[in-house]
Amino acid sequence: MNAKLKTRDTDRLCEAILSLRSVDECYNLLEDLLTISELQSIAQRLAVAEMLDQGQTYDEIEHATGASSATISRVKRALAFGADGYRLVLDRLHGAG
């Protein structure tokens, strides 16, 4: 974890997210917290991570998601050298964790 990100406020945000009990509750919180554009960008990054994990090419990912090569590259770097948040979530979403 990046120590620069850890504050009382970010701890509280994480606790709030962990308190959610359904997809609908999550939508409600995300709609209040984020703009539609921000939410779509975050969802797009997760889709890019899934496609990279499946071995798809930049061209395939760009065509399917509309993500720029810069976004794809940033997600790929996070998958390879990040805090393993994508890996944890992808494994759990696919029943491996």
N, C-alpha and C. Protein backbone atom coordinates (compact mmCIF):
# COMPACT_ATOMS: atom_id res chain seq x y z
N MET A 1 0.85 -1.18 0.00
CA MET A 1 0.00 0.00 0.00
C MET A 1 0.89 1.24 0.00
N ASN A 2 0.47 2.22 -0.75
CA ASN A 2 1.19 3.48 -0.81
C ASN A 2 0.87 4.30 0.44
N ALA A 3 1.88 4.49 1.27
CA ALA A 3 1.69 5.19 2.54
C ALA A 3 1.18 6.62 2.34
N LYS A 4 1.47 7.23 1.20
CA LYS A 4 1.01 8.59 0.93
C LYS A 4 -0.52 8.65 0.76
N LEU A 5 -1.12 7.53 0.38
CA LEU A 5 -2.57 7.50 0.20
C LEU A 5 -3.33 7.28 1.50
N LYS A 6 -2.66 6.69 2.47
CA LYS A 6 -3.34 6.30 3.71
C LYS A 6 -3.51 7.50 4.64
N THR A 7 -4.75 7.91 4.75
CA THR A 7 -5.13 8.99 5.67
C THR A 7 -6.38 8.54 6.41
N ARG A 8 -6.76 9.33 7.37
CA ARG A 8 -8.00 9.03 8.09
C ARG A 8 -9.19 9.03 7.12
N ASP A 9 -9.19 9.97 6.19
CA ASP A 9 -10.29 10.06 5.23
C ASP A 9 -10.32 8.88 4.26
N THR A 10 -9.15 8.47 3.76
CA THR A 10 -9.15 7.34 2.85
C THR A 10 -9.45 6.03 3.58
N ASP A 11 -9.02 5.92 4.83
CA ASP A 11 -9.42 4.77 5.64
C ASP A 11 -10.94 4.71 5.75
N ARG A 12 -11.54 5.86 6.01
CA ARG A 12 -13.00 5.93 6.18
C ARG A 12 -13.72 5.58 4.88
N LEU A 13 -13.17 6.02 3.76
CA LEU A 13 -13.75 5.67 2.45
C LEU A 13 -13.70 4.16 2.25
N CYS A 14 -12.57 3.55 2.54
CA CYS A 14 -12.46 2.09 2.41
C CYS A 14 -13.44 1.37 3.33
N GLU A 15 -13.58 1.85 4.55
CA GLU A 15 -14.56 1.26 5.48
C GLU A 15 -15.98 1.41 4.93
N ALA A 16 -16.27 2.55 4.34
CA ALA A 16 -17.61 2.76 3.77
C ALA A 16 -17.88 1.77 2.64
N ILE A 17 -16.90 1.59 1.77
CA ILE A 17 -17.07 0.65 0.66
C ILE A 17 -17.25 -0.77 1.19
N LEU A 18 -16.47 -1.13 2.18
CA LEU A 18 -16.58 -2.48 2.75
C LEU A 18 -17.90 -2.71 3.48
N SER A 19 -18.58 -1.64 3.87
CA SER A 19 -19.86 -1.78 4.57
C SER A 19 -21.03 -2.07 3.63
N LEU A 20 -20.82 -1.91 2.33
CA LEU A 20 -21.90 -2.11 1.37
C LEU A 20 -22.28 -3.57 1.28
N ARG A 21 -23.58 -3.84 1.08
CA ARG A 21 -24.07 -5.21 1.12
C ARG A 21 -24.65 -5.71 -0.20
N SER A 22 -24.71 -4.84 -1.20
CA SER A 22 -25.27 -5.28 -2.48
C SER A 22 -24.72 -4.40 -3.61
N VAL A 23 -24.90 -4.90 -4.82
CA VAL A 23 -24.49 -4.12 -5.99
C VAL A 23 -25.28 -2.82 -6.04
N ASP A 24 -26.57 -2.88 -5.72
CA ASP A 24 -27.39 -1.66 -5.74
C ASP A 24 -26.87 -0.62 -4.74
N GLU A 25 -26.49 -1.06 -3.53
CA GLU A 25 -25.93 -0.13 -2.55
C GLU A 25 -24.63 0.48 -3.09
N CYS A 26 -23.85 -0.33 -3.76
CA CYS A 26 -22.59 0.16 -4.33
C CYS A 26 -22.87 1.21 -5.41
N TYR A 27 -23.82 0.93 -6.29
CA TYR A 27 -24.21 1.92 -7.30
C TYR A 27 -24.63 3.23 -6.64
N ASN A 28 -25.42 3.13 -5.60
CA ASN A 28 -25.91 4.35 -4.93
C ASN A 28 -24.77 5.19 -4.38
N LEU A 29 -23.82 4.53 -3.72
CA LEU A 29 -22.68 5.26 -3.18
C LEU A 29 -21.82 5.85 -4.29
N LEU A 30 -21.50 5.04 -5.30
CA LEU A 30 -20.66 5.52 -6.39
C LEU A 30 -21.32 6.68 -7.14
N GLU A 31 -22.63 6.62 -7.31
CA GLU A 31 -23.34 7.71 -7.97
C GLU A 31 -23.24 9.00 -7.16
N ASP A 32 -23.26 8.89 -5.85
CA ASP A 32 -23.13 10.08 -5.00
C ASP A 32 -21.68 10.59 -4.95
N LEU A 33 -20.71 9.70 -4.99
CA LEU A 33 -19.31 10.07 -4.86
C LEU A 33 -18.68 10.59 -6.15
N LEU A 34 -19.05 9.99 -7.26
CA LEU A 34 -18.34 10.21 -8.52
C LEU A 34 -19.24 10.84 -9.58
N THR A 35 -18.61 11.50 -10.53
CA THR A 35 -19.36 11.92 -11.71
C THR A 35 -19.58 10.69 -12.58
N ILE A 36 -20.49 10.77 -13.51
CA ILE A 36 -20.72 9.66 -14.43
C ILE A 36 -19.43 9.34 -15.19
N SER A 37 -18.73 10.36 -15.62
CA SER A 37 -17.48 10.18 -16.36
C SER A 37 -16.43 9.46 -15.51
N GLU A 38 -16.30 9.84 -14.25
CA GLU A 38 -15.33 9.19 -13.35
C GLU A 38 -15.68 7.71 -13.16
N LEU A 39 -16.96 7.44 -12.95
CA LEU A 39 -17.39 6.06 -12.75
C LEU A 39 -17.13 5.23 -14.00
N GLN A 40 -17.43 5.79 -15.16
CA GLN A 40 -17.19 5.08 -16.42
C GLN A 40 -15.70 4.83 -16.64
N SER A 41 -14.86 5.78 -16.26
CA SER A 41 -13.41 5.62 -16.41
C SER A 41 -12.89 4.50 -15.52
N ILE A 42 -13.38 4.44 -14.30
CA ILE A 42 -12.95 3.38 -13.37
C ILE A 42 -13.42 2.02 -13.87
N ALA A 43 -14.67 1.95 -14.33
CA ALA A 43 -15.20 0.69 -14.85
C ALA A 43 -14.42 0.26 -16.10
N GLN A 44 -14.05 1.22 -16.93
CA GLN A 44 -13.27 0.92 -18.13
C GLN A 44 -11.91 0.33 -17.76
N ARG A 45 -11.27 0.90 -16.74
CA ARG A 45 -9.96 0.38 -16.32
C ARG A 45 -10.05 -1.06 -15.84
N LEU A 46 -11.11 -1.38 -15.13
CA LEU A 46 -11.29 -2.76 -14.69
C LEU A 46 -11.50 -3.68 -15.89
N ALA A 47 -12.29 -3.23 -16.86
CA ALA A 47 -12.50 -4.03 -18.08
C ALA A 47 -11.18 -4.23 -18.81
N VAL A 48 -10.37 -3.19 -18.89
CA VAL A 48 -9.05 -3.29 -19.52
C VAL A 48 -8.19 -4.31 -18.77
N ALA A 49 -8.20 -4.25 -17.47
CA ALA A 49 -7.41 -5.20 -16.67
C ALA A 49 -7.85 -6.64 -16.94
N GLU A 50 -9.15 -6.86 -17.02
CA GLU A 50 -9.65 -8.21 -17.31
C GLU A 50 -9.18 -8.69 -18.67
N MET A 51 -9.26 -7.80 -19.66
CA MET A 51 -8.86 -8.18 -21.01
C MET A 51 -7.36 -8.42 -21.12
N LEU A 52 -6.56 -7.59 -20.46
CA LEU A 52 -5.11 -7.82 -20.42
C LEU A 52 -4.81 -9.16 -19.77
N ASP A 53 -5.51 -9.45 -18.69
CA ASP A 53 -5.31 -10.70 -17.97
C ASP A 53 -5.65 -11.90 -18.84
N GLN A 54 -6.56 -11.72 -19.78
CA GLN A 54 -6.96 -12.78 -20.70
C GLN A 54 -6.04 -12.86 -21.91
N GLY A 55 -5.03 -11.96 -21.97
CA GLY A 55 -4.07 -12.01 -23.04
C GLY A 55 -4.46 -11.28 -24.31
N GLN A 56 -5.48 -10.43 -24.22
CA GLN A 56 -5.90 -9.70 -25.41
C GLN A 56 -4.90 -8.59 -25.75
N THR A 57 -4.85 -8.24 -27.01
CA THR A 57 -3.91 -7.23 -27.48
C THR A 57 -4.44 -5.83 -27.22
N TYR A 58 -3.52 -4.85 -27.31
CA TYR A 58 -3.91 -3.45 -27.16
C TYR A 58 -5.00 -3.10 -28.17
N ASP A 59 -4.84 -3.53 -29.42
CA ASP A 59 -5.83 -3.21 -30.45
C ASP A 59 -7.20 -3.79 -30.11
N GLU A 60 -7.23 -5.03 -29.66
CA GLU A 60 -8.49 -5.66 -29.28
C GLU A 60 -9.15 -4.91 -28.13
N ILE A 61 -8.34 -4.54 -27.14
CA ILE A 61 -8.85 -3.85 -25.96
C ILE A 61 -9.35 -2.46 -26.33
N GLU A 62 -8.56 -1.75 -27.12
CA GLU A 62 -8.95 -0.40 -27.55
C GLU A 62 -10.26 -0.45 -28.32
N HIS A 63 -10.40 -1.42 -29.21
CA HIS A 63 -11.63 -1.55 -30.01
C HIS A 63 -12.83 -1.89 -29.13
N ALA A 64 -12.65 -2.79 -28.18
CA ALA A 64 -13.77 -3.26 -27.35
C ALA A 64 -14.19 -2.24 -26.29
N THR A 65 -13.22 -1.49 -25.75
CA THR A 65 -13.52 -0.62 -24.61
C THR A 65 -13.48 0.87 -24.93
N GLY A 66 -12.80 1.22 -26.01
CA GLY A 66 -12.60 2.64 -26.31
C GLY A 66 -11.48 3.26 -25.50
N ALA A 67 -10.76 2.45 -24.72
CA ALA A 67 -9.67 2.96 -23.90
C ALA A 67 -8.49 3.36 -24.79
N SER A 68 -7.81 4.41 -24.39
CA SER A 68 -6.62 4.85 -25.12
C SER A 68 -5.46 3.91 -24.83
N SER A 69 -4.45 3.95 -25.70
CA SER A 69 -3.26 3.12 -25.46
C SER A 69 -2.57 3.55 -24.16
N ALA A 70 -2.67 4.83 -23.81
CA ALA A 70 -2.08 5.30 -22.55
C ALA A 70 -2.78 4.67 -21.34
N THR A 71 -4.10 4.58 -21.39
CA THR A 71 -4.86 3.94 -20.30
C THR A 71 -4.53 2.47 -20.23
N ILE A 72 -4.48 1.81 -21.37
CA ILE A 72 -4.16 0.38 -21.39
C ILE A 72 -2.76 0.15 -20.82
N SER A 73 -1.82 0.99 -21.21
CA SER A 73 -0.45 0.89 -20.71
C SER A 73 -0.39 1.11 -19.20
N ARG A 74 -1.13 2.09 -18.70
CA ARG A 74 -1.15 2.38 -17.26
C ARG A 74 -1.71 1.19 -16.48
N VAL A 75 -2.78 0.59 -17.00
CA VAL A 75 -3.37 -0.58 -16.33
C VAL A 75 -2.41 -1.76 -16.39
N LYS A 76 -1.76 -1.94 -17.54
CA LYS A 76 -0.80 -3.04 -17.67
C LYS A 76 0.34 -2.89 -16.67
N ARG A 77 0.81 -1.66 -16.51
CA ARG A 77 1.89 -1.38 -15.55
C ARG A 77 1.42 -1.68 -14.12
N ALA A 78 0.18 -1.30 -13.81
CA ALA A 78 -0.36 -1.58 -12.47
C ALA A 78 -0.49 -3.08 -12.24
N LEU A 79 -0.91 -3.82 -13.27
CA LEU A 79 -1.00 -5.27 -13.13
C LEU A 79 0.38 -5.89 -12.86
N ALA A 80 1.38 -5.36 -13.51
CA ALA A 80 2.72 -5.93 -13.39
C ALA A 80 3.47 -5.46 -12.15
N PHE A 81 3.32 -4.18 -11.81
CA PHE A 81 4.17 -3.60 -10.78
C PHE A 81 3.41 -2.87 -9.67
N GLY A 82 2.09 -2.95 -9.69
CA GLY A 82 1.29 -2.21 -8.73
C GLY A 82 1.15 -2.92 -7.39
N ALA A 83 0.14 -2.53 -6.66
CA ALA A 83 -0.10 -3.04 -5.31
C ALA A 83 -0.90 -4.34 -5.29
N ASP A 84 -1.13 -4.93 -6.46
CA ASP A 84 -1.87 -6.19 -6.63
C ASP A 84 -3.36 -6.08 -6.34
N GLY A 85 -3.88 -4.87 -6.35
CA GLY A 85 -5.32 -4.69 -6.18
C GLY A 85 -6.11 -5.28 -7.34
N TYR A 86 -5.66 -5.01 -8.56
CA TYR A 86 -6.33 -5.61 -9.72
C TYR A 86 -6.28 -7.13 -9.62
N ARG A 87 -5.11 -7.69 -9.30
CA ARG A 87 -4.95 -9.15 -9.23
C ARG A 87 -5.92 -9.75 -8.21
N LEU A 88 -6.00 -9.14 -7.05
CA LEU A 88 -6.90 -9.63 -6.01
C LEU A 88 -8.35 -9.64 -6.50
N VAL A 89 -8.79 -8.54 -7.07
CA VAL A 89 -10.17 -8.41 -7.53
C VAL A 89 -10.44 -9.36 -8.71
N LEU A 90 -9.53 -9.42 -9.66
CA LEU A 90 -9.75 -10.30 -10.82
C LEU A 90 -9.83 -11.75 -10.37
N ASP A 91 -8.96 -12.17 -9.49
CA ASP A 91 -9.01 -13.55 -8.99
C ASP A 91 -10.32 -13.83 -8.28
N ARG A 92 -10.77 -12.90 -7.47
CA ARG A 92 -12.03 -13.11 -6.73
C ARG A 92 -13.23 -13.09 -7.68
N LEU A 93 -13.22 -12.21 -8.65
CA LEU A 93 -14.34 -12.16 -9.61
C LEU A 93 -14.42 -13.45 -10.44
N HIS A 94 -13.28 -14.08 -10.63
CA HIS A 94 -13.24 -15.30 -11.45
C HIS A 94 -13.14 -16.56 -10.60
N GLY A 95 -13.41 -16.42 -9.30
CA GLY A 95 -13.51 -17.59 -8.42
C GLY A 95 -12.19 -18.22 -8.03
N ALA A 96 -11.08 -17.50 -8.21
CA ALA A 96 -9.78 -18.10 -7.86
C ALA A 96 -9.25 -17.62 -6.52
N GLY A 97 -10.02 -16.80 -5.81
CA GLY A 97 -9.47 -16.27 -4.57
C GLY A 97 -10.42 -16.12 -3.47
